[in-house]
Amino acid sequence: LDQAQEFLDRGLDGVMIGRAAYHTPCDILLDADARIY
């Protein structure tokens, strides 16, 4: 999510995550609502 936030901060509208969201879903998704939304 740190990487994702960096891309959003650099002006991109969204970030799509693949394998990391699958293999370590809690690391990506459990904090996503608070940090991204």
PDB file of all heavy atoms in Angstrom:
ATOM      1  N   LEU A   1       0.822  -1.202   0.000  1.00  0.00           N
ATOM      2  CA  LEU A   1       0.000   0.000   0.000  1.00  0.00           C
ATOM      3  C   LEU A   1       0.863   1.261   0.000  1.00  0.00           C
ATOM      4  O   LEU A   1       0.435   2.301  -0.512  1.00  0.00           O
ATOM      5  CB  LEU A   1      -0.936   0.001   1.214  1.00  0.00           C
ATOM      6  CG  LEU A   1      -2.167  -0.904   1.141  1.00  0.00           C
ATOM      7  CD1 LEU A   1      -3.001  -0.746   2.406  1.00  0.00           C
ATOM      8  CD2 LEU A   1      -3.009  -0.627  -0.094  1.00  0.00           C
ATOM      9  N   ASP A   2       2.055   1.179   0.583  1.00  0.00           N
ATOM     10  CA  ASP A   2       2.958   2.337   0.538  1.00  0.00           C
ATOM     11  C   ASP A   2       3.277   2.702  -0.910  1.00  0.00           C
ATOM     12  O   ASP A   2       3.242   3.881  -1.288  1.00  0.00           O
ATOM     13  CB  ASP A   2       4.261   2.031   1.296  1.00  0.00           C
ATOM     14  CG  ASP A   2       4.073   2.015   2.800  1.00  0.00           C
ATOM     15  OD1 ASP A   2       3.054   2.572   3.278  1.00  0.00           O
ATOM     16  OD2 ASP A   2       4.927   1.443   3.503  1.00  0.00           O
ATOM     17  N   GLN A   3       3.602   1.674  -1.716  1.00  0.00           N
ATOM     18  CA  GLN A   3       3.866   1.910  -3.136  1.00  0.00           C
ATOM     19  C   GLN A   3       2.635   2.491  -3.823  1.00  0.00           C
ATOM     20  O   GLN A   3       2.731   3.425  -4.629  1.00  0.00           O
ATOM     21  CB  GLN A   3       4.236   0.593  -3.815  1.00  0.00           C
ATOM     22  CG  GLN A   3       5.697   0.408  -4.146  1.00  0.00           C
ATOM     23  CD  GLN A   3       5.895  -0.860  -4.956  1.00  0.00           C
ATOM     24  OE1 GLN A   3       5.550  -1.962  -4.508  1.00  0.00           O
ATOM     25  NE2 GLN A   3       6.449  -0.709  -6.135  1.00  0.00           N
ATOM     26  N   ALA A   4       1.482   1.902  -3.512  1.00  0.00           N
ATOM     27  CA  ALA A   4       0.245   2.380  -4.130  1.00  0.00           C
ATOM     28  C   ALA A   4       0.016   3.849  -3.817  1.00  0.00           C
ATOM     29  O   ALA A   4      -0.322   4.646  -4.704  1.00  0.00           O
ATOM     30  CB  ALA A   4      -0.936   1.538  -3.653  1.00  0.00           C
ATOM     31  N   GLN A   5       0.205   4.227  -2.577  1.00  0.00           N
ATOM     32  CA  GLN A   5      -0.015   5.613  -2.184  1.00  0.00           C
ATOM     33  C   GLN A   5       0.962   6.551  -2.892  1.00  0.00           C
ATOM     34  O   GLN A   5       0.610   7.678  -3.263  1.00  0.00           O
ATOM     35  CB  GLN A   5       0.110   5.767  -0.668  1.00  0.00           C
ATOM     36  CG  GLN A   5      -0.315   7.137  -0.161  1.00  0.00           C
ATOM     37  CD  GLN A   5      -1.772   7.437  -0.469  1.00  0.00           C
ATOM     38  OE1 GLN A   5      -2.668   6.706  -0.065  1.00  0.00           O
ATOM     39  NE2 GLN A   5      -2.020   8.521  -1.215  1.00  0.00           N
ATOM     40  N   GLU A   6       2.188   6.092  -3.106  1.00  0.00           N
ATOM     41  CA  GLU A   6       3.174   6.910  -3.813  1.00  0.00           C
ATOM     42  C   GLU A   6       2.703   7.230  -5.232  1.00  0.00           C
ATOM     43  O   GLU A   6       2.862   8.364  -5.713  1.00  0.00           O
ATOM     44  CB  GLU A   6       4.519   6.186  -3.851  1.00  0.00           C
ATOM     45  CG  GLU A   6       5.243   6.136  -2.511  1.00  0.00           C
ATOM     46  CD  GLU A   6       6.508   5.310  -2.571  1.00  0.00           C
ATOM     47  OE1 GLU A   6       6.911   4.913  -3.692  1.00  0.00           O
ATOM     48  OE2 GLU A   6       7.096   5.056  -1.510  1.00  0.00           O
ATOM     49  N   PHE A   7       2.129   6.213  -5.903  1.00  0.00           N
ATOM     50  CA  PHE A   7       1.630   6.459  -7.265  1.00  0.00           C
ATOM     51  C   PHE A   7       0.452   7.427  -7.259  1.00  0.00           C
ATOM     52  O   PHE A   7       0.339   8.291  -8.140  1.00  0.00           O
ATOM     53  CB  PHE A   7       1.241   5.147  -7.941  1.00  0.00           C
ATOM     54  CG  PHE A   7       2.405   4.332  -8.411  1.00  0.00           C
ATOM     55  CD1 PHE A   7       2.668   3.083  -7.877  1.00  0.00           C
ATOM     56  CD2 PHE A   7       3.252   4.815  -9.381  1.00  0.00           C
ATOM     57  CE1 PHE A   7       3.745   2.325  -8.306  1.00  0.00           C
ATOM     58  CE2 PHE A   7       4.339   4.082  -9.834  1.00  0.00           C
ATOM     59  CZ  PHE A   7       4.588   2.830  -9.282  1.00  0.00           C
ATOM     60  N   LEU A   8      -0.432   7.296  -6.285  1.00  0.00           N
ATOM     61  CA  LEU A   8      -1.550   8.231  -6.181  1.00  0.00           C
ATOM     62  C   LEU A   8      -1.040   9.641  -5.902  1.00  0.00           C
ATOM     63  O   LEU A   8      -1.535  10.616  -6.477  1.00  0.00           O
ATOM     64  CB  LEU A   8      -2.515   7.776  -5.087  1.00  0.00           C
ATOM     65  CG  LEU A   8      -3.240   6.438  -5.341  1.00  0.00           C
ATOM     66  CD1 LEU A   8      -4.030   6.023  -4.110  1.00  0.00           C
ATOM     67  CD2 LEU A   8      -4.151   6.526  -6.565  1.00  0.00           C
ATOM     68  N   ASP A   9      -0.020   9.730  -5.050  1.00  0.00           N
ATOM     69  CA  ASP A   9       0.559  11.035  -4.735  1.00  0.00           C
ATOM     70  C   ASP A   9       1.239  11.660  -5.952  1.00  0.00           C
ATOM     71  O   ASP A   9       1.356  12.896  -6.040  1.00  0.00           O
ATOM     72  CB  ASP A   9       1.567  10.908  -3.592  1.00  0.00           C
ATOM     73  CG  ASP A   9       0.908  10.578  -2.256  1.00  0.00           C
ATOM     74  OD1 ASP A   9      -0.317  10.754  -2.136  1.00  0.00           O
ATOM     75  OD2 ASP A   9       1.623  10.126  -1.341  1.00  0.00           O
ATOM     76  N   ARG A  10       1.703  10.828  -6.881  1.00  0.00           N
ATOM     77  CA  ARG A  10       2.371  11.332  -8.083  1.00  0.00           C
ATOM     78  C   ARG A  10       1.378  11.682  -9.190  1.00  0.00           C
ATOM     79  O   ARG A  10       1.781  12.047 -10.290  1.00  0.00           O
ATOM     80  CB  ARG A  10       3.388  10.307  -8.590  1.00  0.00           C
ATOM     81  CG  ARG A  10       4.577  10.110  -7.660  1.00  0.00           C
ATOM     82  CD  ARG A  10       5.574   9.108  -8.218  1.00  0.00           C
ATOM     83  NE  ARG A  10       6.277   9.628  -9.400  1.00  0.00           N
ATOM     84  CZ  ARG A  10       7.171   8.912 -10.103  1.00  0.00           C
ATOM     85  NH1 ARG A  10       7.445   7.658  -9.734  1.00  0.00           N
ATOM     86  NH2 ARG A  10       7.777   9.442 -11.152  1.00  0.00           N
ATOM     87  N   GLY A  11       0.101  11.569  -8.904  1.00  0.00           N
ATOM     88  CA  GLY A  11      -0.895  12.063  -9.838  1.00  0.00           C
ATOM     89  C   GLY A  11      -1.704  11.018 -10.574  1.00  0.00           C
ATOM     90  O   GLY A  11      -2.634  11.373 -11.311  1.00  0.00           O
ATOM     91  N   LEU A  12      -1.347   9.744 -10.414  1.00  0.00           N
ATOM     92  CA  LEU A  12      -2.159   8.718 -11.068  1.00  0.00           C
ATOM     93  C   LEU A  12      -3.499   8.589 -10.353  1.00  0.00           C
ATOM     94  O   LEU A  12      -3.627   8.888  -9.164  1.00  0.00           O
ATOM     95  CB  LEU A  12      -1.420   7.386 -11.092  1.00  0.00           C
ATOM     96  CG  LEU A  12      -0.237   7.342 -12.070  1.00  0.00           C
ATOM     97  CD1 LEU A  12       0.547   6.050 -11.922  1.00  0.00           C
ATOM     98  CD2 LEU A  12      -0.712   7.495 -13.514  1.00  0.00           C
ATOM     99  N   ASP A  13      -4.500   8.118 -11.090  1.00  0.00           N
ATOM    100  CA  ASP A  13      -5.853   8.045 -10.553  1.00  0.00           C
ATOM    101  C   ASP A  13      -6.127   6.753  -9.804  1.00  0.00           C
ATOM    102  O   ASP A  13      -7.042   6.701  -8.975  1.00  0.00           O
ATOM    103  CB  ASP A  13      -6.862   8.174 -11.692  1.00  0.00           C
ATOM    104  CG  ASP A  13      -6.658   9.445 -12.489  1.00  0.00           C
ATOM    105  OD1 ASP A  13      -6.925  10.534 -11.945  1.00  0.00           O
ATOM    106  OD2 ASP A  13      -6.211   9.350 -13.646  1.00  0.00           O
ATOM    107  N   GLY A  14      -5.361   5.700 -10.119  1.00  0.00           N
ATOM    108  CA  GLY A  14      -5.612   4.421  -9.491  1.00  0.00           C
ATOM    109  C   GLY A  14      -4.393   3.532  -9.543  1.00  0.00           C
ATOM    110  O   GLY A  14      -3.435   3.784 -10.287  1.00  0.00           O
ATOM    111  N   VAL A  15      -4.445   2.490  -8.741  1.00  0.00           N
ATOM    112  CA  VAL A  15      -3.382   1.486  -8.686  1.00  0.00           C
ATOM    113  C   VAL A  15      -4.045   0.122  -8.719  1.00  0.00           C
ATOM    114  O   VAL A  15      -5.003  -0.136  -7.967  1.00  0.00           O
ATOM    115  CB  VAL A  15      -2.529   1.633  -7.414  1.00  0.00           C
ATOM    116  CG1 VAL A  15      -1.471   0.547  -7.347  1.00  0.00           C
ATOM    117  CG2 VAL A  15      -1.883   3.011  -7.355  1.00  0.00           C
ATOM    118  N   MET A  16      -3.558  -0.740  -9.589  1.00  0.00           N
ATOM    119  CA  MET A  16      -4.055  -2.111  -9.688  1.00  0.00           C
ATOM    120  C   MET A  16      -2.958  -3.059  -9.213  1.00  0.00           C
ATOM    121  O   MET A  16      -1.833  -3.021  -9.712  1.00  0.00           O
ATOM    122  CB  MET A  16      -4.454  -2.436 -11.136  1.00  0.00           C
ATOM    123  CG  MET A  16      -4.900  -3.866 -11.353  1.00  0.00           C
ATOM    124  SD  MET A  16      -5.379  -4.186 -13.085  1.00  0.00           S
ATOM    125  CE  MET A  16      -7.065  -3.535 -13.075  1.00  0.00           C
ATOM    126  N   ILE A  17      -3.283  -3.890  -8.224  1.00  0.00           N
ATOM    127  CA  ILE A  17      -2.317  -4.808  -7.641  1.00  0.00           C
ATOM    128  C   ILE A  17      -2.738  -6.236  -7.950  1.00  0.00           C
ATOM    129  O   ILE A  17      -3.908  -6.587  -7.796  1.00  0.00           O
ATOM    130  CB  ILE A  17      -2.188  -4.597  -6.122  1.00  0.00           C
ATOM    131  CG1 ILE A  17      -1.792  -3.146  -5.818  1.00  0.00           C
ATOM    132  CG2 ILE A  17      -1.164  -5.563  -5.535  1.00  0.00           C
ATOM    133  CD1 ILE A  17      -1.604  -2.845  -4.344  1.00  0.00           C
ATOM    134  N   GLY A  18      -1.795  -7.046  -8.388  1.00  0.00           N
ATOM    135  CA  GLY A  18      -2.089  -8.421  -8.764  1.00  0.00           C
ATOM    136  C   GLY A  18      -1.606  -9.431  -7.756  1.00  0.00           C
ATOM    137  O   GLY A  18      -2.257  -9.695  -6.746  1.00  0.00           O
ATOM    138  N   ARG A  19      -0.434 -10.001  -7.997  1.00  0.00           N
ATOM    139  CA  ARG A  19       0.024 -11.147  -7.206  1.00  0.00           C
ATOM    140  C   ARG A  19       0.145 -10.862  -5.716  1.00  0.00           C
ATOM    141  O   ARG A  19      -0.166 -11.722  -4.891  1.00  0.00           O
ATOM    142  CB  ARG A  19       1.355 -11.655  -7.773  1.00  0.00           C
ATOM    143  CG  ARG A  19       1.192 -12.459  -9.056  1.00  0.00           C
ATOM    144  CD  ARG A  19       2.526 -12.741  -9.706  1.00  0.00           C
ATOM    145  NE  ARG A  19       3.128 -11.528 -10.258  1.00  0.00           N
ATOM    146  CZ  ARG A  19       4.373 -11.452 -10.683  1.00  0.00           C
ATOM    147  NH1 ARG A  19       5.174 -12.494 -10.586  1.00  0.00           N
ATOM    148  NH2 ARG A  19       4.829 -10.319 -11.200  1.00  0.00           N
ATOM    149  N   ALA A  20       0.579  -9.662  -5.350  1.00  0.00           N
ATOM    150  CA  ALA A  20       0.708  -9.356  -3.926  1.00  0.00           C
ATOM    151  C   ALA A  20      -0.650  -9.397  -3.234  1.00  0.00           C
ATOM    152  O   ALA A  20      -0.763  -9.840  -2.084  1.00  0.00           O
ATOM    153  CB  ALA A  20       1.365  -7.998  -3.726  1.00  0.00           C
ATOM    154  N   ALA A  21      -1.690  -8.942  -3.927  1.00  0.00           N
ATOM    155  CA  ALA A  21      -3.033  -8.967  -3.347  1.00  0.00           C
ATOM    156  C   ALA A  21      -3.541 -10.391  -3.187  1.00  0.00           C
ATOM    157  O   ALA A  21      -4.399 -10.660  -2.339  1.00  0.00           O
ATOM    158  CB  ALA A  21      -3.994  -8.161  -4.205  1.00  0.00           C
ATOM    159  N   TYR A  22      -3.018 -11.292  -4.004  1.00  0.00           N
ATOM    160  CA  TYR A  22      -3.439 -12.684  -3.905  1.00  0.00           C
ATOM    161  C   TYR A  22      -2.630 -13.443  -2.858  1.00  0.00           C
ATOM    162  O   TYR A  22      -3.190 -14.150  -2.012  1.00  0.00           O
ATOM    163  CB  TYR A  22      -3.314 -13.384  -5.260  1.00  0.00           C
ATOM    164  CG  TYR A  22      -3.880 -14.787  -5.232  1.00  0.00           C
ATOM    165  CD1 TYR A  22      -5.248 -14.998  -5.424  1.00  0.00           C
ATOM    166  CD2 TYR A  22      -3.070 -15.894  -4.990  1.00  0.00           C
ATOM    167  CE1 TYR A  22      -5.787 -16.274  -5.385  1.00  0.00           C
ATOM    168  CE2 TYR A  22      -3.599 -17.170  -4.943  1.00  0.00           C
ATOM    169  CZ  TYR A  22      -4.962 -17.356  -5.136  1.00  0.00           C
ATOM    170  OH  TYR A  22      -5.494 -18.629  -5.066  1.00  0.00           O
ATOM    171  N   HIS A  23      -1.301 -13.322  -2.920  1.00  0.00           N
ATOM    172  CA  HIS A  23      -0.453 -14.126  -2.040  1.00  0.00           C
ATOM    173  C   HIS A  23      -0.402 -13.598  -0.613  1.00  0.00           C
ATOM    174  O   HIS A  23      -0.233 -14.369   0.332  1.00  0.00           O
ATOM    175  CB  HIS A  23       0.962 -14.201  -2.614  1.00  0.00           C
ATOM    176  CG  HIS A  23       1.060 -15.025  -3.858  1.00  0.00           C
ATOM    177  ND1 HIS A  23       0.652 -16.341  -3.915  1.00  0.00           N
ATOM    178  CD2 HIS A  23       1.510 -14.721  -5.102  1.00  0.00           C
ATOM    179  CE1 HIS A  23       0.853 -16.819  -5.136  1.00  0.00           C
ATOM    180  NE2 HIS A  23       1.357 -15.851  -5.876  1.00  0.00           N
ATOM    181  N   THR A  24      -0.523 -12.284  -0.441  1.00  0.00           N
ATOM    182  CA  THR A  24      -0.534 -11.686   0.899  1.00  0.00           C
ATOM    183  C   THR A  24      -1.709 -10.722   0.996  1.00  0.00           C
ATOM    184  O   THR A  24      -1.533  -9.512   1.167  1.00  0.00           O
ATOM    185  CB  THR A  24       0.787 -10.955   1.198  1.00  0.00           C
ATOM    186  OG1 THR A  24       1.036  -9.978   0.167  1.00  0.00           O
ATOM    187  CG2 THR A  24       1.953 -11.925   1.245  1.00  0.00           C
ATOM    188  N   PRO A  25      -2.930 -11.243   0.901  1.00  0.00           N
ATOM    189  CA  PRO A  25      -4.099 -10.365   0.796  1.00  0.00           C
ATOM    190  C   PRO A  25      -4.299  -9.453   1.997  1.00  0.00           C
ATOM    191  O   PRO A  25      -4.735  -8.312   1.844  1.00  0.00           O
ATOM    192  CB  PRO A  25      -5.260 -11.344   0.624  1.00  0.00           C
ATOM    193  CG  PRO A  25      -4.780 -12.630   1.218  1.00  0.00           C
ATOM    194  CD  PRO A  25      -3.315 -12.666   0.902  1.00  0.00           C
ATOM    195  N   CYS A  26      -3.974  -9.949   3.182  1.00  0.00           N
ATOM    196  CA  CYS A  26      -4.199  -9.119   4.366  1.00  0.00           C
ATOM    197  C   CYS A  26      -3.287  -7.903   4.365  1.00  0.00           C
ATOM    198  O   CYS A  26      -3.688  -6.816   4.807  1.00  0.00           O
ATOM    199  CB  CYS A  26      -3.989  -9.950   5.635  1.00  0.00           C
ATOM    200  SG  CYS A  26      -5.219 -11.260   5.818  1.00  0.00           S
ATOM    201  N   ASP A  27      -2.064  -8.055   3.875  1.00  0.00           N
ATOM    202  CA  ASP A  27      -1.134  -6.927   3.833  1.00  0.00           C
ATOM    203  C   ASP A  27      -1.633  -5.824   2.920  1.00  0.00           C
ATOM    204  O   ASP A  27      -1.374  -4.633   3.161  1.00  0.00           O
ATOM    205  CB  ASP A  27       0.248  -7.395   3.343  1.00  0.00           C
ATOM    206  CG  ASP A  27       0.960  -8.286   4.343  1.00  0.00           C
ATOM    207  OD1 ASP A  27       0.486  -8.380   5.498  1.00  0.00           O
ATOM    208  OD2 ASP A  27       1.980  -8.889   3.970  1.00  0.00           O
ATOM    209  N   ILE A  28      -2.338  -6.198   1.874  1.00  0.00           N
ATOM    210  CA  ILE A  28      -2.815  -5.205   0.904  1.00  0.00           C
ATOM    211  C   ILE A  28      -4.209  -4.699   1.262  1.00  0.00           C
ATOM    212  O   ILE A  28      -4.465  -3.486   1.252  1.00  0.00           O
ATOM    213  CB  ILE A  28      -2.838  -5.806  -0.518  1.00  0.00           C
ATOM    214  CG1 ILE A  28      -1.442  -6.293  -0.925  1.00  0.00           C
ATOM    215  CG2 ILE A  28      -3.389  -4.804  -1.521  1.00  0.00           C
ATOM    216  CD1 ILE A  28      -0.395  -5.212  -1.014  1.00  0.00           C
ATOM    217  N   LEU A  29      -5.117  -5.597   1.580  1.00  0.00           N
ATOM    218  CA  LEU A  29      -6.531  -5.246   1.607  1.00  0.00           C
ATOM    219  C   LEU A  29      -7.082  -4.866   2.975  1.00  0.00           C
ATOM    220  O   LEU A  29      -8.044  -4.093   3.053  1.00  0.00           O
ATOM    221  CB  LEU A  29      -7.361  -6.386   1.010  1.00  0.00           C
ATOM    222  CG  LEU A  29      -7.093  -6.647  -0.479  1.00  0.00           C
ATOM    223  CD1 LEU A  29      -7.807  -7.902  -0.952  1.00  0.00           C
ATOM    224  CD2 LEU A  29      -7.504  -5.449  -1.322  1.00  0.00           C
ATOM    225  N   LEU A  30      -6.522  -5.378   4.058  1.00  0.00           N
ATOM    226  CA  LEU A  30      -7.105  -5.073   5.367  1.00  0.00           C
ATOM    227  C   LEU A  30      -6.977  -3.595   5.726  1.00  0.00           C
ATOM    228  O   LEU A  30      -7.829  -3.048   6.430  1.00  0.00           O
ATOM    229  CB  LEU A  30      -6.468  -5.936   6.453  1.00  0.00           C
ATOM    230  CG  LEU A  30      -6.938  -7.392   6.529  1.00  0.00           C
ATOM    231  CD1 LEU A  30      -6.240  -8.114   7.667  1.00  0.00           C
ATOM    232  CD2 LEU A  30      -8.455  -7.481   6.696  1.00  0.00           C
ATOM    233  N   ASP A  31      -5.925  -2.938   5.267  1.00  0.00           N
ATOM    234  CA  ASP A  31      -5.741  -1.512   5.556  1.00  0.00           C
ATOM    235  C   ASP A  31      -6.158  -0.613   4.406  1.00  0.00           C
ATOM    236  O   ASP A  31      -6.048   0.615   4.506  1.00  0.00           O
ATOM    237  CB  ASP A  31      -4.272  -1.240   5.887  1.00  0.00           C
ATOM    238  CG  ASP A  31      -3.851  -1.853   7.212  1.00  0.00           C
ATOM    239  OD1 ASP A  31      -4.731  -2.012   8.089  1.00  0.00           O
ATOM    240  OD2 ASP A  31      -2.664  -2.176   7.377  1.00  0.00           O
ATOM    241  N   ALA A  32      -6.617  -1.204   3.314  1.00  0.00           N
ATOM    242  CA  ALA A  32      -6.917  -0.402   2.118  1.00  0.00           C
ATOM    243  C   ALA A  32      -8.042   0.598   2.361  1.00  0.00           C
ATOM    244  O   ALA A  32      -7.971   1.749   1.919  1.00  0.00           O
ATOM    245  CB  ALA A  32      -7.266  -1.319   0.954  1.00  0.00           C
ATOM    246  N   ASP A  33      -9.091   0.188   3.057  1.00  0.00           N
ATOM    247  CA  ASP A  33     -10.219   1.089   3.241  1.00  0.00           C
ATOM    248  C   ASP A  33      -9.813   2.338   4.019  1.00  0.00           C
ATOM    249  O   ASP A  33     -10.218   3.456   3.685  1.00  0.00           O
ATOM    250  CB  ASP A  33     -11.363   0.363   3.955  1.00  0.00           C
ATOM    251  CG  ASP A  33     -12.065  -0.636   3.056  1.00  0.00           C
ATOM    252  OD1 ASP A  33     -11.711  -0.718   1.865  1.00  0.00           O
ATOM    253  OD2 ASP A  33     -12.962  -1.344   3.537  1.00  0.00           O
ATOM    254  N   ALA A  34      -9.005   2.157   5.061  1.00  0.00           N
ATOM    255  CA  ALA A  34      -8.578   3.301   5.862  1.00  0.00           C
ATOM    256  C   ALA A  34      -7.590   4.179   5.100  1.00  0.00           C
ATOM    257  O   ALA A  34      -7.730   5.405   5.059  1.00  0.00           O
ATOM    258  CB  ALA A  34      -7.960   2.819   7.169  1.00  0.00           C
ATOM    259  N   ARG A  35      -6.622   3.562   4.440  1.00  0.00           N
ATOM    260  CA  ARG A  35      -5.533   4.329   3.840  1.00  0.00           C
ATOM    261  C   ARG A  35      -5.873   4.913   2.476  1.00  0.00           C
ATOM    262  O   ARG A  35      -5.412   6.004   2.130  1.00  0.00           O
ATOM    263  CB  ARG A  35      -4.286   3.447   3.735  1.00  0.00           C
ATOM    264  CG  ARG A  35      -3.732   3.040   5.093  1.00  0.00           C
ATOM    265  CD  ARG A  35      -2.402   2.339   4.969  1.00  0.00           C
ATOM    266  NE  ARG A  35      -1.413   3.158   4.290  1.00  0.00           N
ATOM    267  CZ  ARG A  35      -0.181   2.745   3.996  1.00  0.00           C
ATOM    268  NH1 ARG A  35       0.199   1.523   4.344  1.00  0.00           N
ATOM    269  NH2 ARG A  35       0.659   3.539   3.360  1.00  0.00           N
ATOM    270  N   ILE A  36      -6.644   4.193   1.692  1.00  0.00           N
ATOM    271  CA  ILE A  36      -6.944   4.646   0.328  1.00  0.00           C
ATOM    272  C   ILE A  36      -8.280   5.371   0.251  1.00  0.00           C
ATOM    273  O   ILE A  36      -8.435   6.322  -0.519  1.00  0.00           O
ATOM    274  CB  ILE A  36      -6.930   3.462  -0.653  1.00  0.00           C
ATOM    275  CG1 ILE A  36      -5.597   2.704  -0.583  1.00  0.00           C
ATOM    276  CG2 ILE A  36      -7.229   3.925  -2.077  1.00  0.00           C
ATOM    277  CD1 ILE A  36      -4.386   3.526  -0.984  1.00  0.00           C
ATOM    278  N   TYR A  37      -9.244   4.944   1.080  1.00  0.00           N
ATOM    279  CA  TYR A  37     -10.604   5.477   0.957  1.00  0.00           C
ATOM    280  C   TYR A  37     -11.066   6.300   2.160  1.00  0.00           C
ATOM    281  O   TYR A  37     -12.184   6.817   2.149  1.00  0.00           O
ATOM    282  CB  TYR A  37     -11.589   4.327   0.717  1.00  0.00           C
ATOM    283  CG  TYR A  37     -11.268   3.506  -0.506  1.00  0.00           C
ATOM    284  CD1 TYR A  37     -10.595   2.284  -0.396  1.00  0.00           C
ATOM    285  CD2 TYR A  37     -11.617   3.950  -1.775  1.00  0.00           C
ATOM    286  CE1 TYR A  37     -10.285   1.529  -1.520  1.00  0.00           C
ATOM    287  CE2 TYR A  37     -11.313   3.201  -2.904  1.00  0.00           C
ATOM    288  CZ  TYR A  37     -10.647   1.998  -2.759  1.00  0.00           C
ATOM    289  OH  TYR A  37     -10.340   1.247  -3.882  1.00  0.00           O
TER     290      TYR A  37
END
